[in-house]
Amino acid sequence: MPETRKTMIPQAEFREAMSRLGAAVHVITSAGPAGECGVTASAVCSVTEDPPTVLVCLNRASETNRVLKANGVFCVNTLTAAQETLSDCFAGFTGETMVQRFGRAKWDRLVTGAPILRGALVSLDCTIASVTEVGTHSVMFGEIVAARFGEEQPALMYFKRRYKALHGDHPAG
């Protein structure tokens, strides 16, 4: 059998490739004994429907990563195109404190106590089932214990390092 060599592309090439994978934009929130926090993320993916599970990837060096792990819960709040400024806020681009960030919108709570964004396309309230550390990031697997669906609106997407609105009213073709 031929020897398999492990080669990796340069980071700049990886980043450019990933910029071409369009993704929905989310604000990941948590609340509990370690405090309340939130961060903008596009690295969210469904895993399985039995049990209903999603994964979220967060930088291991971030404070939000530490708080989510300590709280054991998170909520995936999928943003609408009209919520672009909230994305920038929770990405840390505005320089606001966490309290100020949460003050920019209305929030509810479902089962876990993690903040649920009013007006989000969908909010998935999750308990952390497991965490896997991969390089610079933690992959957090969350079992969905509750969901809230918002009104049909254009989704906020991130593609080629820019926000885009995705209108779901036309079939692909």
Protein backbone atom coordinates (compact mmCIF):
# COMPACT_ATOMS: atom_id res chain seq x y z
CA MET A 1 0.00 0.00 0.00
CA PRO A 2 1.42 3.45 -0.88
CA GLU A 3 2.53 5.70 1.98
CA THR A 4 0.03 8.45 2.74
CA ARG A 5 1.50 11.89 3.31
CA LYS A 6 -0.34 14.44 5.37
CA THR A 7 -0.11 17.83 3.68
CA MET A 8 -1.89 20.98 4.69
CA ILE A 9 -2.66 24.11 2.74
CA PRO A 10 -1.33 27.46 4.00
CA GLN A 11 -3.59 29.37 6.43
CA ALA A 12 -4.22 32.18 3.95
CA GLU A 13 -5.42 29.66 1.36
CA PHE A 14 -7.60 27.95 3.97
CA ARG A 15 -9.18 31.28 4.96
CA GLU A 16 -9.89 32.15 1.32
CA ALA A 17 -11.45 28.74 0.71
CA MET A 18 -13.64 29.07 3.81
CA SER A 19 -14.78 32.54 2.73
CA ARG A 20 -16.41 30.85 -0.26
CA LEU A 21 -18.54 28.57 1.92
CA GLY A 22 -21.58 30.74 2.48
CA ALA A 23 -23.03 30.39 5.97
CA ALA A 24 -25.92 31.67 8.04
CA VAL A 25 -24.99 34.15 10.77
CA HIS A 26 -25.92 33.38 14.38
CA VAL A 27 -25.53 34.90 17.82
CA ILE A 28 -24.60 32.16 20.28
CA THR A 29 -25.69 33.02 23.82
CA SER A 30 -25.38 31.46 27.25
CA ALA A 31 -26.35 32.27 30.82
CA GLY A 32 -25.76 30.51 34.10
CA PRO A 33 -23.39 30.39 37.07
CA ALA A 34 -20.45 31.62 34.94
CA GLY A 35 -22.39 34.64 33.69
CA GLU A 36 -24.16 35.79 30.55
CA CYS A 37 -22.38 36.04 27.21
CA GLY A 38 -22.88 36.05 23.48
CA VAL A 39 -20.81 35.90 20.33
CA THR A 40 -21.39 36.02 16.57
CA ALA A 41 -20.65 32.74 14.81
CA SER A 42 -21.15 31.15 11.42
CA ALA A 43 -19.64 27.76 12.34
CA VAL A 44 -22.92 26.05 13.25
CA CYS A 45 -24.16 22.80 11.76
CA SER A 46 -26.86 20.20 12.29
CA VAL A 47 -25.49 16.84 13.45
CA THR A 48 -28.38 14.42 13.94
CA GLU A 49 -32.12 14.44 14.54
CA ASP A 50 -32.05 11.61 17.09
CA PRO A 51 -31.29 13.12 19.51
CA PRO A 52 -31.74 16.55 17.92
CA THR A 53 -28.18 17.91 17.98
CA VAL A 54 -26.24 20.82 16.52
CA LEU A 55 -22.59 21.73 16.76
CA VAL A 56 -21.01 25.12 17.35
CA CYS A 57 -17.31 25.88 16.88
CA LEU A 58 -15.75 28.59 19.06
CA ASN A 59 -12.19 29.78 19.49
CA ARG A 60 -10.66 28.12 22.55
CA ALA A 61 -9.01 31.40 23.63
CA SER A 62 -12.29 33.33 23.82
CA GLU A 63 -13.99 34.22 27.07
CA THR A 64 -17.30 33.11 25.54
CA ASN A 65 -15.89 29.61 25.07
CA ARG A 66 -15.03 29.40 28.77
CA VAL A 67 -18.44 30.71 29.87
CA LEU A 68 -20.40 28.32 27.61
CA LYS A 69 -18.48 25.33 28.94
CA ALA A 70 -18.96 26.42 32.55
CA ASN A 71 -22.69 27.10 32.06
CA GLY A 72 -23.26 23.87 30.13
CA VAL A 73 -25.89 25.51 27.90
CA PHE A 74 -26.14 27.68 24.80
CA CYS A 75 -28.67 29.04 22.36
CA VAL A 76 -28.17 29.37 18.61
CA ASN A 77 -30.06 32.49 17.47
CA THR A 78 -30.15 32.64 13.65
CA LEU A 79 -30.18 36.25 12.46
CA THR A 80 -32.34 37.94 9.85
CA ALA A 81 -30.85 40.30 7.27
CA ALA A 82 -32.31 43.19 9.31
CA GLN A 83 -30.13 42.16 12.30
CA GLU A 84 -26.74 42.83 10.65
CA THR A 85 -25.82 45.51 13.22
CA LEU A 86 -26.45 43.02 16.03
CA SER A 87 -24.04 40.61 14.33
CA ASP A 88 -21.31 43.27 14.29
CA CYS A 89 -22.05 44.12 17.91
CA PHE A 90 -21.70 40.52 19.17
CA ALA A 91 -18.63 40.05 16.95
CA GLY A 92 -16.99 42.75 19.08
CA PHE A 93 -16.65 45.30 16.26
CA THR A 94 -18.48 48.06 18.18
CA GLY A 95 -16.40 47.98 21.37
CA GLU A 96 -19.46 47.56 23.56
CA THR A 97 -19.48 45.62 26.82
CA MET A 98 -21.48 42.40 27.06
CA VAL A 99 -24.20 44.24 29.02
CA GLN A 100 -24.42 46.90 26.29
CA ARG A 101 -24.59 44.24 23.59
CA PHE A 102 -27.55 42.52 25.24
CA GLY A 103 -29.17 45.95 25.69
CA ARG A 104 -29.44 46.34 21.90
CA ALA A 105 -32.22 43.75 21.54
CA LYS A 106 -35.10 42.06 23.37
CA TRP A 107 -34.47 38.63 24.87
CA ASP A 108 -36.56 35.83 26.34
CA ARG A 109 -35.71 32.52 28.05
CA LEU A 110 -36.95 29.03 27.25
CA VAL A 111 -35.75 25.86 29.04
CA THR A 112 -32.02 26.34 29.74
CA GLY A 113 -32.08 30.03 30.66
CA ALA A 114 -29.82 30.99 27.73
CA PRO A 115 -30.95 34.26 26.09
CA ILE A 116 -33.38 33.74 23.19
CA LEU A 117 -33.37 36.62 20.68
CA ARG A 118 -36.79 38.04 19.85
CA GLY A 119 -37.14 38.32 16.10
CA ALA A 120 -34.55 35.65 15.23
CA LEU A 121 -35.40 33.31 12.34
CA VAL A 122 -35.03 30.42 14.75
CA SER A 123 -33.61 29.97 18.24
CA LEU A 124 -32.30 26.57 19.35
CA ASP A 125 -32.02 26.18 23.13
CA CYS A 126 -29.36 23.56 23.87
CA THR A 127 -27.58 21.70 26.63
CA ILE A 128 -23.95 20.81 25.95
CA ALA A 129 -23.70 17.04 25.42
CA SER A 130 -19.98 16.95 24.67
CA VAL A 131 -17.00 19.06 23.64
CA THR A 132 -14.13 18.08 21.36
CA GLU A 133 -11.00 20.22 21.14
CA VAL A 134 -9.61 20.58 17.61
CA GLY A 135 -6.66 22.89 17.04
CA THR A 136 -7.59 26.43 18.01
CA HIS A 137 -11.30 25.68 18.44
CA SER A 138 -13.75 23.78 20.62
CA VAL A 139 -16.51 21.87 18.86
CA MET A 140 -19.51 21.94 21.20
CA PHE A 141 -22.29 19.46 20.58
CA GLY A 142 -25.62 20.76 21.86
CA GLU A 143 -28.75 18.69 22.31
CA ILE A 144 -31.74 20.84 21.43
CA VAL A 145 -34.24 20.96 24.29
CA ALA A 146 -36.47 23.72 22.88
CA ALA A 147 -36.88 25.74 19.70
CA ARG A 148 -38.66 28.94 18.80
CA PHE A 149 -39.44 29.89 15.21
CA GLY A 150 -39.60 33.51 14.08
CA GLU A 151 -41.40 35.06 11.15
CA GLU A 152 -40.28 34.26 7.61
CA GLN A 153 -37.73 36.91 6.66
CA PRO A 154 -34.56 37.10 4.58
CA ALA A 155 -31.68 35.37 6.37
CA LEU A 156 -28.36 37.05 7.14
CA MET A 157 -25.60 35.17 5.36
CA TYR A 158 -21.84 35.62 5.29
CA PHE A 159 -20.11 34.95 1.97
CA LYS A 160 -16.70 36.13 0.69
CA ARG A 161 -16.22 38.22 3.84
CA ARG A 162 -19.43 40.21 3.32
CA TYR A 163 -22.97 40.05 4.59
CA LYS A 164 -25.67 39.02 2.13
CA ALA A 165 -29.44 38.70 2.45
CA LEU A 166 -30.86 35.35 1.42
CA HIS A 167 -34.45 35.46 0.29
CA GLY A 168 -36.08 32.05 0.58
CA ASP A 169 -39.05 32.70 -1.66
CA HIS A 170 -37.55 31.42 -4.93
CA PRO A 171 -36.78 27.79 -5.68
CA ALA A 172 -33.25 26.90 -6.76
CA GLY A 173 -32.85 26.29 -10.42
